[in-house]
Amino acid sequence: MRVLLLLAGTGLLLAAVQAVALRVHLNWRQPKPRATPFISILKPLCGVDDALFANLRSFARLDYPLYEILLGVKEIRDPAYALAMRTAQRWPGLVRVVLQRGAPGFNPKVNQLITLAAVAHGEVMVVSDSNIRVGRDYLRGIAAAFDDPQTGLVTHPVAGIGERDLGALFDNLTLCGSVAAGIVSARRVAGQDLVVGKSMALRRCDLRAMGGFERLKDVLAEDFLCGRIVVDELGKKVALLQQPVFNVCRRQCTAAFFARYLRWSVMQRKAVGNAAYAAQILLNPVALAAAAALVSPGRTTISAFCVAAAVRACLHQSSARALRGRGFSSFILLAPLADLLLACAWACGLFRSEITWRGNRLAVREGTRLEAVSRPDFAAPEPRAAA
C-alpha cells in the first residue's frame, strides 16, 4: 500500500512537471519564416468526422502564399467523398480530391498518403488528419521551422476541443492533459522526440531519402517511426512548434474512446518495449492511488485517492486552458473516470498483441509492424448490423 501511495505521489510530481513544461513551451515566441516554399497538405479522409467541412475550411483560409490541399478518399462510396467534392468546388485551384490507387499495405492511412504524395506538387509535405482544425498562421510556423536546414520533421502539440458528450470529453481531456503535455515534456525535459501524426511535415527530399511513405505501409505507428528515421538515419532533428493544432471531437461513445486508447496502448508497447511501456503507469497517479485504496481500504488511502484525483484534475484543467484558452468547466470532475479507463487500457495493452482497426483484425509485431490475422475456415460469420 505504501509503495503504491509513493508511486502515486511520484506520478503527481511528474504530471506537475509536464504541465509546467507545456506552459513554458507555449509561451515560446514563434519566428517569422524567411522563405515560403510551396507546401502540399495531404489530408486522408475516411467517413465524415465531426464538423468536417469547418475543419477543411480552416485549411482553405490559411495566411500563406503558395500551397495546395489534397483530400484523399479510398473510394467514391465513402461518405466523405461528396463533401470532399463540395470543398473542391468551393475552393477550385486550391483543393483537389484524390482517389486512392490500390492498397499496398495494412495501414489504411499510409495507403492514402502514398497516393497523395505521388500527385502532390509541393516542396514540403504536410500530413494532417481530417479531424484537425488550425489557425491562420499554421503554414508560416512550419515554413519558419524549415528555415533551419537541420530540421527534418515538424510537428505540433494537439489540443482536443468541441466535447458534447462523455466519450468526447474523455478524449479531449486526454489529448490536452496527457498527450500534449507528455509530448512537450518529453522534448523539453527528457530530450526525446515524440511525433503525433495529427500534424507532421517533411521536406519532399527527406521523405524520399527515408524511403517514402511506402516504407511505412505495414506499421501502425507511422508517425512515431517517421521521427525515429529522421533522427537516427537522416541525422536531422524534429521541431515541435509552439502553436497547437485542434482535434475536433464532439460526439463519441465511451466504448469508442476506450477502443482507441486500447489500440494506442498496444502500439506504444510494441514501439517502446515492455519495460518502458510498463513504466508509463507512473504517469497515471489516479490509477495508482485507486489501486492503493483497493488493496488497503481505509481513511488514509481513500483520502490519498481523493487528493490525487483533485490535483490531477487541476493539472488537466491547467493544460487545457494553456492549449485552447479555456478549461472543461464543472465537467473536469469527471477527469478521474477518464484516467481509470486509460489505466484499464494500459493493463490490457500489457498482454494484447492484436487490434481491430477499421474492421480489420491485425497482429502488431515489434516495431508496430502489422500482419493480417487469418480467420479459421469454420469461424462463424460476423452478425450483420441492424438496419
Protein backbone atom coordinates (compact mmCIF):
# COMPACT_ATOMS: atom_id res chain seq x y z
CA MET A 1 0.00 0.00 0.00
CA ARG A 2 2.79 2.43 0.96
CA VAL A 3 4.62 1.63 -2.27
CA LEU A 4 1.54 2.40 -4.31
CA LEU A 5 0.99 5.69 -2.48
CA LEU A 6 4.65 6.60 -3.01
CA LEU A 7 4.33 5.84 -6.71
CA ALA A 8 1.13 7.91 -6.87
CA GLY A 9 2.95 10.84 -5.29
CA THR A 10 5.77 10.46 -7.80
CA GLY A 11 3.20 10.39 -10.58
CA LEU A 12 1.64 13.64 -9.39
CA LEU A 13 5.07 15.28 -9.36
CA LEU A 14 5.72 14.08 -12.91
CA ALA A 15 2.30 15.34 -14.02
CA ALA A 16 3.04 18.75 -12.50
CA VAL A 17 6.38 18.88 -14.33
CA GLN A 18 4.57 18.07 -17.57
CA ALA A 19 2.00 20.82 -17.03
CA VAL A 20 4.73 23.40 -16.30
CA ALA A 21 6.78 22.29 -19.33
CA LEU A 22 3.71 22.69 -21.52
CA ARG A 23 3.05 26.23 -20.34
CA VAL A 24 6.70 27.21 -20.80
CA HIS A 25 6.69 25.75 -24.32
CA LEU A 26 3.50 27.52 -25.35
CA ASN A 27 4.96 30.86 -24.25
CA TRP A 28 7.85 30.47 -26.69
CA ARG A 29 7.69 33.09 -29.45
CA GLN A 30 7.42 31.68 -32.95
CA PRO A 31 9.70 33.36 -35.53
CA LYS A 32 8.55 34.54 -38.94
CA PRO A 33 9.68 32.49 -41.95
CA ARG A 34 12.49 33.76 -44.16
CA ALA A 35 11.25 31.66 -47.09
CA THR A 36 7.82 30.39 -48.13
CA PRO A 37 8.25 27.13 -50.08
CA PHE A 38 5.31 25.59 -51.90
CA ILE A 39 3.51 23.29 -49.44
CA SER A 40 1.21 20.36 -50.14
CA ILE A 41 -1.26 19.48 -47.38
CA LEU A 42 -2.06 15.76 -47.53
CA LYS A 43 -5.33 15.01 -45.80
CA PRO A 44 -6.63 11.42 -45.81
CA LEU A 45 -10.40 11.17 -45.27
CA CYS A 46 -12.44 8.22 -44.02
CA GLY A 47 -16.06 8.95 -43.24
CA VAL A 48 -17.47 12.29 -42.16
CA ASP A 49 -15.85 13.48 -38.94
CA ASP A 50 -17.42 15.97 -36.55
CA ALA A 51 -17.56 19.40 -38.24
CA LEU A 52 -15.50 18.11 -41.17
CA PHE A 53 -16.37 20.98 -43.51
CA ALA A 54 -15.44 23.55 -40.87
CA ASN A 55 -12.14 21.73 -40.30
CA LEU A 56 -11.37 21.78 -44.03
CA ARG A 57 -12.39 25.43 -44.26
CA SER A 58 -9.74 26.35 -41.67
CA PHE A 59 -7.10 24.96 -44.06
CA ALA A 60 -8.59 26.75 -47.07
CA ARG A 61 -8.22 30.14 -45.35
CA LEU A 62 -4.58 29.98 -44.29
CA ASP A 63 -2.37 33.06 -44.42
CA TYR A 64 0.24 31.59 -46.76
CA PRO A 65 1.03 32.41 -50.40
CA LEU A 66 1.80 29.05 -52.03
CA TYR A 67 0.03 25.85 -51.01
CA GLU A 68 -2.43 23.17 -52.10
CA ILE A 69 -4.80 20.85 -50.26
CA LEU A 70 -5.14 17.24 -51.40
CA LEU A 71 -8.13 15.37 -49.98
CA GLY A 72 -7.63 11.62 -50.16
CA VAL A 73 -10.58 9.24 -50.33
CA LYS A 74 -10.33 5.47 -50.65
CA GLU A 75 -13.40 5.15 -52.89
CA ILE A 76 -16.37 7.17 -54.07
CA ARG A 77 -18.69 5.14 -51.82
CA ASP A 78 -17.03 6.73 -48.79
CA PRO A 79 -19.45 9.29 -47.25
CA ALA A 80 -16.57 11.79 -47.20
CA TYR A 81 -16.32 11.80 -51.00
CA ALA A 82 -19.35 14.04 -51.62
CA LEU A 83 -18.21 16.55 -49.00
CA ALA A 84 -14.67 16.50 -50.41
CA MET A 85 -16.02 17.28 -53.88
CA ARG A 86 -18.09 20.13 -52.48
CA THR A 87 -14.99 21.50 -50.79
CA ALA A 88 -13.02 21.32 -54.05
CA GLN A 89 -15.82 23.17 -55.86
CA ARG A 90 -15.87 25.82 -53.13
CA TRP A 91 -12.11 26.44 -53.44
CA PRO A 92 -11.13 25.49 -57.01
CA GLY A 93 -7.43 25.63 -57.77
CA LEU A 94 -6.60 25.18 -54.09
CA VAL A 95 -8.32 21.89 -53.22
CA ARG A 96 -8.10 18.63 -55.17
CA VAL A 97 -9.80 15.31 -54.46
CA VAL A 98 -7.61 12.24 -55.00
CA LEU A 99 -8.89 8.67 -55.09
CA GLN A 100 -6.59 6.05 -53.59
CA ARG A 101 -4.70 3.83 -56.03
CA GLY A 102 -4.50 0.27 -54.77
CA ALA A 103 -3.91 -0.89 -51.19
CA PRO A 104 -0.21 -1.73 -50.88
CA GLY A 105 -0.12 -2.14 -47.09
CA PHE A 106 -2.07 -2.84 -43.91
CA ASN A 107 -2.10 0.79 -42.70
CA PRO A 108 -5.10 2.47 -44.40
CA LYS A 109 -3.90 5.99 -43.67
CA VAL A 110 -0.48 5.34 -45.17
CA ASN A 111 -2.08 3.73 -48.22
CA GLN A 112 -3.77 7.06 -48.91
CA LEU A 113 -0.61 9.03 -48.19
CA ILE A 114 1.30 7.04 -50.82
CA THR A 115 -1.19 8.11 -53.48
CA LEU A 116 -1.40 11.70 -52.23
CA ALA A 117 2.39 12.17 -52.15
CA ALA A 118 2.67 10.81 -55.70
CA VAL A 119 0.44 13.58 -57.11
CA ALA A 120 1.50 16.42 -54.78
CA HIS A 121 3.44 19.37 -56.19
CA GLY A 122 4.88 20.84 -53.01
CA GLU A 123 8.46 21.06 -51.81
CA VAL A 124 7.13 20.40 -48.30
CA MET A 125 4.58 17.70 -47.45
CA VAL A 126 2.23 18.32 -44.51
CA VAL A 127 0.27 15.34 -43.20
CA SER A 128 -2.88 16.39 -41.37
CA ASP A 129 -5.76 14.28 -40.07
CA SER A 130 -9.30 15.07 -41.16
CA ASN A 131 -10.48 15.97 -37.65
CA ILE A 132 -7.83 18.68 -37.23
CA ARG A 133 -8.52 22.43 -37.25
CA VAL A 134 -5.76 25.03 -37.39
CA GLY A 135 -5.06 28.76 -37.04
CA ARG A 136 -4.34 31.02 -40.00
CA ASP A 137 -0.56 31.10 -39.39
CA TYR A 138 -0.24 27.29 -39.36
CA LEU A 139 1.87 27.01 -42.51
CA ARG A 140 4.01 30.04 -41.68
CA GLY A 141 5.10 28.31 -38.50
CA ILE A 142 6.06 25.20 -40.46
CA ALA A 143 7.95 27.23 -43.04
CA ALA A 144 9.86 29.07 -40.29
CA ALA A 145 10.95 25.76 -38.75
CA PHE A 146 12.30 24.59 -42.12
CA ASP A 147 14.47 27.71 -42.38
CA ASP A 148 16.88 25.59 -40.36
CA PRO A 149 18.40 23.05 -42.81
CA GLN A 150 18.92 20.61 -39.93
CA THR A 151 15.18 20.36 -39.30
CA GLY A 152 13.89 17.15 -40.87
CA LEU A 153 10.37 16.96 -39.43
CA VAL A 154 7.94 19.48 -37.91
CA THR A 155 5.10 18.56 -35.57
CA HIS A 156 2.68 20.26 -33.16
CA PRO A 157 1.06 19.78 -29.74
CA VAL A 158 -2.55 18.60 -30.05
CA ALA A 159 -5.50 20.04 -28.12
CA GLY A 160 -8.94 18.42 -28.02
CA ILE A 161 -11.95 20.70 -28.48
CA GLY A 162 -15.73 20.56 -29.01
CA GLU A 163 -16.86 17.95 -26.47
CA ARG A 164 -20.64 17.46 -26.21
CA ASP A 165 -20.88 14.02 -24.60
CA LEU A 166 -18.93 11.84 -22.19
CA GLY A 167 -16.75 9.94 -24.66
CA ALA A 168 -15.73 13.15 -26.42
CA LEU A 169 -14.99 14.79 -23.07
CA PHE A 170 -12.71 11.91 -22.10
CA ASP A 171 -10.92 12.10 -25.45
CA ASN A 172 -10.34 15.86 -25.25
CA LEU A 173 -9.25 15.64 -21.61
CA THR A 174 -6.69 13.01 -22.53
CA LEU A 175 -5.35 14.91 -25.52
CA CYS A 176 -4.87 18.11 -23.52
CA GLY A 177 -3.77 16.79 -20.15
CA SER A 178 -1.85 13.65 -21.11
CA VAL A 179 -0.90 13.54 -24.79
CA ALA A 180 0.04 17.18 -25.44
CA ALA A 181 1.66 17.66 -22.04
CA GLY A 182 3.52 14.35 -22.43
CA ILE A 183 4.88 15.17 -25.89
CA VAL A 184 6.10 18.61 -24.85
CA SER A 185 7.71 17.45 -21.61
CA ALA A 186 9.38 14.52 -23.36
CA ARG A 187 11.06 17.04 -25.66
CA ARG A 188 11.84 19.78 -23.16
CA VAL A 189 12.68 17.68 -20.09
CA ALA A 190 13.92 14.34 -21.42
CA GLY A 191 15.17 15.41 -24.85
CA GLN A 192 13.05 12.76 -26.56
CA ASP A 193 11.16 13.42 -29.78
CA LEU A 194 7.60 12.04 -29.92
CA VAL A 195 5.78 12.68 -33.16
CA VAL A 196 1.98 12.57 -33.41
CA GLY A 197 0.66 12.23 -36.94
CA LYS A 198 -2.25 14.58 -36.32
CA SER A 199 0.12 17.13 -37.83
CA MET A 200 3.59 16.47 -39.20
CA ALA A 201 5.58 17.95 -42.06
CA LEU A 202 8.60 16.78 -44.04
CA ARG A 203 10.56 18.09 -46.99
CA ARG A 204 9.98 16.11 -50.16
CA CYS A 205 13.70 15.33 -50.40
CA ASP A 206 13.79 13.97 -46.84
CA LEU A 207 10.68 11.89 -47.43
CA ARG A 208 12.36 10.41 -50.49
CA ALA A 209 15.60 9.78 -48.55
CA MET A 210 13.76 7.82 -45.85
CA GLY A 211 12.11 5.58 -48.42
CA GLY A 212 8.82 7.43 -48.88
CA PHE A 213 5.55 6.56 -47.23
CA GLU A 214 5.89 3.13 -48.86
CA ARG A 215 8.35 2.22 -46.11
CA LEU A 216 5.61 2.73 -43.50
CA LYS A 217 2.74 0.93 -45.22
CA ASP A 218 2.80 -2.07 -42.86
CA VAL A 219 3.34 -0.36 -39.49
CA LEU A 220 0.82 1.04 -37.05
CA ALA A 221 2.89 3.90 -35.54
CA GLU A 222 3.93 5.55 -38.81
CA ASP A 223 4.28 8.96 -37.13
CA PHE A 224 6.50 7.70 -34.29
CA LEU A 225 8.71 5.81 -36.74
CA CYS A 226 8.98 8.85 -39.02
CA GLY A 227 10.54 10.73 -36.12
CA ARG A 228 12.92 7.85 -35.40
CA ILE A 229 14.05 7.60 -39.02
CA VAL A 230 14.57 11.35 -39.37
CA VAL A 231 16.77 11.47 -36.26
CA ASP A 232 18.58 8.12 -36.40
CA GLU A 233 19.06 7.67 -40.14
CA LEU A 234 18.93 11.13 -41.68
CA GLY A 235 20.78 12.75 -38.78
CA LYS A 236 18.32 15.62 -38.60
CA LYS A 237 16.12 16.96 -35.81
CA VAL A 238 12.42 17.15 -35.04
CA ALA A 239 10.93 20.61 -34.42
CA LEU A 240 8.00 20.79 -32.02
CA LEU A 241 6.25 24.09 -32.68
CA GLN A 242 4.65 26.35 -30.12
CA GLN A 243 1.21 26.62 -31.69
CA PRO A 244 -1.18 23.72 -31.06
CA VAL A 245 -3.48 22.14 -33.61
CA PHE A 246 -7.04 21.34 -32.56
CA ASN A 247 -8.54 17.86 -32.68
CA VAL A 248 -12.32 18.32 -33.02
CA CYS A 249 -14.25 15.65 -31.16
CA ARG A 250 -17.88 16.49 -30.39
CA ARG A 251 -19.66 13.17 -30.05
CA GLN A 252 -18.11 9.82 -29.28
CA CYS A 253 -19.31 6.93 -27.17
CA THR A 254 -17.21 5.89 -24.20
CA ALA A 255 -16.65 2.45 -25.74
CA ALA A 256 -15.07 4.09 -28.81
CA PHE A 257 -12.80 6.16 -26.55
CA PHE A 258 -11.64 3.02 -24.75
CA ALA A 259 -11.14 1.10 -28.02
CA ARG A 260 -8.95 3.86 -29.43
CA TYR A 261 -6.67 4.02 -26.41
CA LEU A 262 -6.53 0.26 -26.19
CA ARG A 263 -5.19 0.26 -29.75
CA TRP A 264 -2.74 3.02 -28.82
CA SER A 265 -1.63 1.01 -25.78
CA VAL A 266 -0.75 -2.00 -27.92
CA MET A 267 1.04 0.33 -30.35
CA GLN A 268 3.05 2.02 -27.60
CA ARG A 269 4.23 -1.24 -26.06
CA LYS A 270 5.38 -2.56 -29.41
CA ALA A 271 7.07 0.76 -30.21
CA VAL A 272 9.00 1.39 -26.98
CA GLY A 273 9.34 -2.09 -25.46
CA ASN A 274 7.83 -3.78 -22.43
CA ALA A 275 9.92 -2.07 -19.72
CA ALA A 276 9.34 1.49 -20.92
CA TYR A 277 5.67 0.75 -21.51
CA ALA A 278 5.19 -0.70 -18.02
CA ALA A 279 6.80 2.40 -16.50
CA GLN A 280 4.15 4.59 -18.14
CA ILE A 281 1.75 3.75 -15.32
CA LEU A 282 3.70 6.29 -13.26
CA LEU A 283 2.03 8.94 -15.41
CA ASN A 284 -1.37 7.88 -14.06
CA PRO A 285 -1.31 8.75 -10.34
CA VAL A 286 -5.09 8.46 -10.06
CA ALA A 287 -4.93 4.78 -11.02
CA LEU A 288 -2.08 4.12 -8.57
CA ALA A 289 -3.95 5.82 -5.72
CA ALA A 290 -7.10 3.85 -6.62
CA ALA A 291 -5.07 0.64 -6.50
CA ALA A 292 -3.82 1.55 -3.03
CA ALA A 293 -7.40 2.15 -1.85
CA LEU A 294 -8.48 -1.21 -3.25
CA VAL A 295 -5.56 -3.11 -1.71
CA SER A 296 -5.94 -1.50 1.70
CA PRO A 297 -9.28 0.33 2.12
CA GLY A 298 -9.21 2.95 4.84
CA ARG A 299 -9.31 6.64 5.62
CA THR A 300 -5.69 7.20 4.58
CA THR A 301 -5.88 5.52 1.19
CA ILE A 302 -9.31 6.93 0.32
CA SER A 303 -8.11 10.42 1.26
CA ALA A 304 -5.00 9.89 -0.83
CA PHE A 305 -7.14 8.88 -3.81
CA CYS A 306 -9.31 11.99 -3.44
CA VAL A 307 -6.24 14.22 -3.26
CA ALA A 308 -4.64 12.55 -6.29
CA ALA A 309 -7.87 12.86 -8.28
CA ALA A 310 -8.31 16.53 -7.37
CA VAL A 311 -4.71 17.52 -8.12
CA ARG A 312 -4.67 15.61 -11.40
CA ALA A 313 -7.96 17.21 -12.45
CA CYS A 314 -6.50 20.65 -11.74
CA LEU A 315 -3.47 19.82 -13.89
CA HIS A 316 -5.76 18.68 -16.72
CA GLN A 317 -7.62 21.97 -16.38
CA SER A 318 -4.39 23.98 -16.44
CA SER A 319 -3.15 22.23 -19.58
CA ALA A 320 -6.50 22.72 -21.35
CA ARG A 321 -6.54 26.43 -20.57
CA ALA A 322 -2.99 26.84 -21.83
CA LEU A 323 -3.70 24.96 -25.06
CA ARG A 324 -7.19 26.03 -26.02
CA GLY A 325 -7.85 29.10 -23.91
CA ARG A 326 -10.48 27.50 -21.69
CA GLY A 327 -10.89 24.55 -19.38
CA PHE A 328 -13.62 21.94 -19.06
CA SER A 329 -15.79 23.83 -16.52
CA SER A 330 -17.51 21.55 -13.99
CA PHE A 331 -17.01 18.54 -16.28
CA ILE A 332 -13.44 18.41 -15.01
CA LEU A 333 -14.87 16.47 -12.05
CA LEU A 334 -15.20 13.51 -14.43
CA ALA A 335 -11.47 13.51 -15.22
CA PRO A 336 -10.68 10.66 -12.76
CA LEU A 337 -13.02 8.38 -14.73
CA ALA A 338 -11.00 9.03 -17.88
CA ASP A 339 -7.76 8.27 -16.02
CA LEU A 340 -9.17 4.99 -14.71
CA LEU A 341 -10.32 3.95 -18.19
CA LEU A 342 -6.85 4.74 -19.52
CA ALA A 343 -5.37 2.56 -16.77
CA CYS A 344 -7.60 -0.31 -17.89
CA ALA A 345 -6.46 0.18 -21.49
CA TRP A 346 -2.84 0.23 -20.28
CA ALA A 347 -3.36 -3.04 -18.36
CA CYS A 348 -4.93 -4.73 -21.38
CA GLY A 349 -2.08 -3.47 -23.53
CA LEU A 350 0.39 -5.42 -21.39
CA PHE A 351 -0.96 -8.69 -22.78
CA ARG A 352 -2.56 -7.94 -26.14
CA SER A 353 -0.79 -8.13 -29.49
CA GLU A 354 -3.81 -7.83 -31.76
CA ILE A 355 -6.03 -4.92 -32.70
CA THR A 356 -9.19 -4.38 -34.70
CA TRP A 357 -8.83 -1.36 -36.96
CA ARG A 358 -11.50 -0.23 -39.44
CA GLY A 359 -12.97 -3.72 -39.45
CA ASN A 360 -9.63 -5.48 -39.95
CA ARG A 361 -8.14 -7.83 -37.38
CA LEU A 362 -4.37 -7.30 -37.27
CA ALA A 363 -1.45 -8.62 -35.26
CA VAL A 364 1.04 -5.99 -34.05
CA ARG A 365 4.64 -7.17 -34.01
CA GLU A 366 7.80 -5.49 -32.70
CA GLY A 367 8.29 -2.02 -34.14
CA THR A 368 4.46 -1.91 -34.61
CA ARG A 369 4.71 -3.96 -37.81
CA LEU A 370 1.28 -5.19 -38.85
CA GLU A 371 0.30 -8.64 -40.03
CA ALA A 372 -3.10 -9.98 -41.03
CA VAL A 373 -4.77 -12.40 -38.65
CA SER A 374 -6.43 -15.07 -40.73
CA ARG A 375 -9.74 -16.42 -39.54
CA PRO A 376 -10.26 -20.18 -39.38
CA ASP A 377 -12.48 -21.60 -42.09
CA PHE A 378 -15.03 -22.78 -39.55
CA ALA A 379 -15.42 -19.34 -37.93
CA ALA A 380 -18.99 -18.14 -37.76
CA PRO A 381 -19.82 -15.08 -39.89
CA GLU A 382 -19.97 -11.72 -38.16
CA PRO A 383 -23.50 -10.63 -37.24
CA ARG A 384 -24.96 -8.01 -39.53
CA ALA A 385 -25.70 -4.61 -38.09
CA ALA A 386 -29.35 -3.84 -37.52
CA ALA A 387 -30.92 -1.56 -40.05
